[in-house]
């Protein structure tokens, strides 16, 4: 299941969950929040459990993505795959 939600033109929220129906168990959950900040953009991704558990935060200049501030914990080293969203 995947849910995309845009509460305003500058905010984007995404949630993704996978489930093992044979075991009736959630196997993976992922959250991502993005914010358009005029010429900057910010992103926060979080995986609450499992092998990819951790978070990733990034704020960067839109026109020059190499100008950025990044912070991550655990296995996340960039945007979560499957969340290919851009402004």
C-alpha atoms as a PDB file:
ATOM      1  CA  UNK A   1       0.000   0.000   0.000  1.00  0.00           C
ATOM      2  CA  UNK A   2       1.239   3.473  -0.844  1.00  0.00           C
ATOM      3  CA  UNK A   3      -0.361   6.787   0.080  1.00  0.00           C
ATOM      4  CA  UNK A   4       0.696  10.167  -1.328  1.00  0.00           C
ATOM      5  CA  UNK A   5      -0.695  13.238   0.362  1.00  0.00           C
ATOM      6  CA  UNK A   6      -0.111  16.909  -0.513  1.00  0.00           C
ATOM      7  CA  UNK A   7      -1.668  19.061   2.232  1.00  0.00           C
ATOM      8  CA  UNK A   8      -0.421  22.292   0.601  1.00  0.00           C
ATOM      9  CA  UNK A   9       1.446  23.162  -2.577  1.00  0.00           C
ATOM     10  CA  UNK A  10       4.739  23.229  -0.632  1.00  0.00           C
ATOM     11  CA  UNK A  11       4.339  20.061   1.463  1.00  0.00           C
ATOM     12  CA  UNK A  12       4.364  16.435   0.336  1.00  0.00           C
ATOM     13  CA  UNK A  13       3.866  13.389   2.568  1.00  0.00           C
ATOM     14  CA  UNK A  14       4.275   9.779   1.471  1.00  0.00           C
ATOM     15  CA  UNK A  15       3.693   6.532   3.331  1.00  0.00           C
ATOM     16  CA  UNK A  16       4.426   3.052   2.051  1.00  0.00           C
ATOM     17  CA  UNK A  17       3.740  -0.256   3.754  1.00  0.00           C
ATOM     18  CA  UNK A  18       4.206  -3.838   2.622  1.00  0.00           C
ATOM     19  CA  UNK A  19       2.580  -6.828   4.234  1.00  0.00           C
ATOM     20  CA  UNK A  20       3.204 -10.554   4.216  1.00  0.00           C
ATOM     21  CA  UNK A  21      -0.340 -11.828   3.807  1.00  0.00           C
ATOM     22  CA  UNK A  22       0.627 -15.452   4.506  1.00  0.00           C
ATOM     23  CA  UNK A  23       1.957 -14.477   7.959  1.00  0.00           C
ATOM     24  CA  UNK A  24      -0.520 -11.591   8.453  1.00  0.00           C
ATOM     25  CA  UNK A  25       2.429  -9.371   9.317  1.00  0.00           C
ATOM     26  CA  UNK A  26       3.664  -5.946   8.232  1.00  0.00           C
ATOM     27  CA  UNK A  27       7.123  -6.400   6.729  1.00  0.00           C
ATOM     28  CA  UNK A  28       8.119  -2.841   5.908  1.00  0.00           C
ATOM     29  CA  UNK A  29       7.006   0.742   6.548  1.00  0.00           C
ATOM     30  CA  UNK A  30       8.470   3.936   5.102  1.00  0.00           C
ATOM     31  CA  UNK A  31       7.606   7.584   5.597  1.00  0.00           C
ATOM     32  CA  UNK A  32       8.810  10.637   3.707  1.00  0.00           C
ATOM     33  CA  UNK A  33       8.062  14.344   4.138  1.00  0.00           C
ATOM     34  CA  UNK A  34       9.208  16.990   1.660  1.00  0.00           C
ATOM     35  CA  UNK A  35       8.981  20.755   1.832  1.00  0.00           C
ATOM     36  CA  UNK A  36       9.502  23.280  -0.941  1.00  0.00           C
ATOM     37  CA  UNK A  37      11.342  26.302   0.519  1.00  0.00           C
ATOM     38  CA  UNK A  38      11.389  28.655  -2.497  1.00  0.00           C
ATOM     39  CA  UNK A  39      14.908  28.061  -3.912  1.00  0.00           C
ATOM     40  CA  UNK A  40      15.657  25.331  -1.331  1.00  0.00           C
ATOM     41  CA  UNK A  41      14.037  21.974  -0.697  1.00  0.00           C
ATOM     42  CA  UNK A  42      13.991  19.815   2.422  1.00  0.00           C
ATOM     43  CA  UNK A  43      13.375  16.092   2.797  1.00  0.00           C
ATOM     44  CA  UNK A  44      12.981  13.810   5.805  1.00  0.00           C
ATOM     45  CA  UNK A  45      12.734  10.028   5.323  1.00  0.00           C
ATOM     46  CA  UNK A  46      12.157   7.507   8.113  1.00  0.00           C
ATOM     47  CA  UNK A  47      12.068   3.707   8.236  1.00  0.00           C
ATOM     48  CA  UNK A  48      10.872   2.758  11.757  1.00  0.00           C
ATOM     49  CA  UNK A  49      11.958  -0.886  11.739  1.00  0.00           C
ATOM     50  CA  UNK A  50      13.553  -3.759   9.882  1.00  0.00           C
ATOM     51  CA  UNK A  51      16.909  -4.068   8.176  1.00  0.00           C
ATOM     52  CA  UNK A  52      16.743  -0.569   6.670  1.00  0.00           C
ATOM     53  CA  UNK A  53      15.776   1.112   9.948  1.00  0.00           C
ATOM     54  CA  UNK A  54      16.867   4.720  10.325  1.00  0.00           C
ATOM     55  CA  UNK A  55      16.332   8.219   9.052  1.00  0.00           C
ATOM     56  CA  UNK A  56      17.684  10.559   6.391  1.00  0.00           C
ATOM     57  CA  UNK A  57      17.446  14.358   6.373  1.00  0.00           C
ATOM     58  CA  UNK A  58      18.560  16.635   3.567  1.00  0.00           C
ATOM     59  CA  UNK A  59      18.203  20.305   2.735  1.00  0.00           C
ATOM     60  CA  UNK A  60      19.643  21.566  -0.540  1.00  0.00           C
ATOM     61  CA  UNK A  61      19.567  24.333  -3.134  1.00  0.00           C
ATOM     62  CA  UNK A  62      17.206  23.265  -5.927  1.00  0.00           C
ATOM     63  CA  UNK A  63      19.342  24.541  -8.806  1.00  0.00           C
ATOM     64  CA  UNK A  64      22.610  23.222  -7.326  1.00  0.00           C
ATOM     65  CA  UNK A  65      21.813  19.954  -5.477  1.00  0.00           C
ATOM     66  CA  UNK A  66      25.472  19.530  -4.510  1.00  0.00           C
ATOM     67  CA  UNK A  67      25.034  22.439  -2.080  1.00  0.00           C
ATOM     68  CA  UNK A  68      23.377  20.531   0.727  1.00  0.00           C
ATOM     69  CA  UNK A  69      23.261  19.579   4.357  1.00  0.00           C
ATOM     70  CA  UNK A  70      22.632  15.883   5.026  1.00  0.00           C
ATOM     71  CA  UNK A  71      22.227  13.822   8.155  1.00  0.00           C
ATOM     72  CA  UNK A  72      21.402  10.132   8.417  1.00  0.00           C
ATOM     73  CA  UNK A  73      21.340   7.353  10.947  1.00  0.00           C
ATOM     74  CA  UNK A  74      21.685   3.634  10.400  1.00  0.00           C
ATOM     75  CA  UNK A  75      21.229   2.157   6.933  1.00  0.00           C
ATOM     76  CA  UNK A  76      19.735   5.149   5.121  1.00  0.00           C
ATOM     77  CA  UNK A  77      22.210   6.954   2.894  1.00  0.00           C
ATOM     78  CA  UNK A  78      19.977   8.943   0.595  1.00  0.00           C
ATOM     79  CA  UNK A  79      16.381   9.164  -0.491  1.00  0.00           C
ATOM     80  CA  UNK A  80      14.429   5.982   0.065  1.00  0.00           C
ATOM     81  CA  UNK A  81      14.117   3.954  -3.100  1.00  0.00           C
ATOM     82  CA  UNK A  82      10.570   3.815  -4.324  1.00  0.00           C
ATOM     83  CA  UNK A  83       9.936   7.401  -3.263  1.00  0.00           C
ATOM     84  CA  UNK A  84      11.011   9.051  -6.498  1.00  0.00           C
ATOM     85  CA  UNK A  85       9.300  12.384  -6.042  1.00  0.00           C
ATOM     86  CA  UNK A  86      10.494  15.793  -7.147  1.00  0.00           C
ATOM     87  CA  UNK A  87       9.029  19.273  -7.243  1.00  0.00           C
END
